[in-house]
Protein backbone atom coordinates (compact mmCIF):
# COMPACT_ATOMS: atom_id res chain seq x y z
CA MET A 1 16.43 -0.04 -2.51
CA LYS A 2 17.47 0.44 1.12
CA ARG A 3 14.74 2.97 1.87
CA THR A 4 12.15 1.81 -0.62
CA ILE A 5 9.02 -0.14 0.28
CA ILE A 6 6.56 -1.83 -2.04
CA MET A 7 3.01 -0.83 -1.16
CA ARG A 8 0.16 -3.05 -2.35
CA ARG A 9 -2.90 -1.00 -3.30
CA ASP A 10 -6.14 -3.02 -3.37
CA TYR A 11 -9.17 -1.68 -5.21
CA LEU A 12 -12.45 -2.84 -6.72
CA HIS A 13 -13.11 -2.79 -10.46
CA TYR A 14 -16.70 -2.81 -11.71
CA ILE A 15 -17.62 -5.24 -14.52
CA LYS A 16 -20.64 -3.79 -16.31
CA LYS A 17 -21.58 -7.00 -18.13
CA TYR A 18 -21.99 -9.00 -14.90
CA LYS A 19 -22.96 -6.04 -12.66
CA ARG A 20 -20.37 -7.10 -10.11
CA TYR A 21 -17.06 -5.96 -8.69
CA GLU A 22 -13.76 -7.81 -8.87
CA LYS A 23 -10.75 -7.37 -6.61
CA ARG A 24 -7.60 -6.01 -8.20
CA HIS A 25 -4.29 -4.77 -6.88
CA THR A 26 -1.24 -2.84 -7.97
CA ASN A 27 2.22 -2.58 -6.41
CA VAL A 28 3.53 0.96 -5.84
CA PRO A 29 7.15 1.55 -4.80
CA ALA A 30 7.49 4.38 -2.26
CA HIS A 31 10.42 6.05 -0.51
CA LEU A 32 10.56 5.42 3.24
CA SER A 33 12.20 8.15 5.33
CA PRO A 34 14.51 6.89 8.13
CA CYS A 35 12.21 8.46 10.76
CA PHE A 36 9.52 5.82 10.01
CA SER A 37 9.68 2.17 10.97
CA VAL A 38 7.25 -0.14 9.20
CA LYS A 39 6.53 -3.85 9.27
CA GLU A 40 4.64 -6.04 6.84
CA GLY A 41 0.92 -5.45 7.27
CA ASP A 42 1.13 -1.80 8.37
CA ILE A 43 -1.12 0.67 6.58
CA VAL A 44 0.75 3.62 5.06
CA THR A 45 -0.35 6.90 3.51
CA VAL A 46 1.74 8.02 0.55
CA GLY A 47 1.94 11.24 -1.43
CA GLN A 48 3.19 11.91 -4.93
CA CYS A 49 6.54 13.67 -5.34
CA ARG A 50 9.22 14.24 -7.96
CA PRO A 51 10.84 11.14 -9.47
CA LEU A 52 13.40 9.81 -6.99
CA SER A 53 14.54 6.92 -9.19
CA LYS A 54 13.39 4.98 -12.23
CA THR A 55 10.28 3.62 -10.48
CA VAL A 56 9.86 5.59 -7.22
CA ARG A 57 7.40 8.50 -7.48
CA PHE A 58 5.80 8.40 -4.03
CA ASN A 59 6.84 9.27 -0.47
CA VAL A 60 5.52 7.77 2.80
CA LEU A 61 3.66 10.43 4.81
CA LYS A 62 2.02 8.47 7.63
CA VAL A 63 2.22 4.96 9.07
CA GLU A 64 -0.66 3.23 10.91
CA PRO A 65 0.63 0.12 12.68
CA CYS A 66 -1.49 -3.00 12.24
CA SER A 67 -3.26 -4.25 15.35
CA THR A 68 -1.37 -6.87 17.32
CA GLN A 69 -4.44 -8.02 19.27
CA LYS A 70 -6.06 -9.99 16.46
CA PRO A 71 -3.78 -11.60 13.87
CA VAL A 72 -4.71 -10.87 10.27
CA ASN A 73 -3.53 -12.77 7.23
CA VAL A 74 -1.75 -9.97 5.35
CA LYS A 75 -2.13 -11.47 1.88
CA LYS A 76 -5.91 -11.98 2.19
CA GLN A 77 -6.73 -8.66 3.84
CA PHE A 78 -8.95 -6.34 1.81
CA ARG A 79 -9.85 -3.00 3.31
CA MET A 80 -11.97 -0.28 1.74
CA PHE A 81 -10.91 3.36 1.95
């Protein structure tokens, strides 16, 4: 688990009965190459690859650092694609 990160993927799920969306999330483990440095709150792009371990099936391709100018509560952040 040295080079593995847990990426939280937020998405909206439509409820037909109420004609509304609800927020959902899933945690995706991804392999982090040593050339990248990430912090909590950074936005990463991952791609699917061969199984690297029991749970890791994705690889980090790109890292977008979070803005340091305005602080954002990481747990409450919800960003559309």
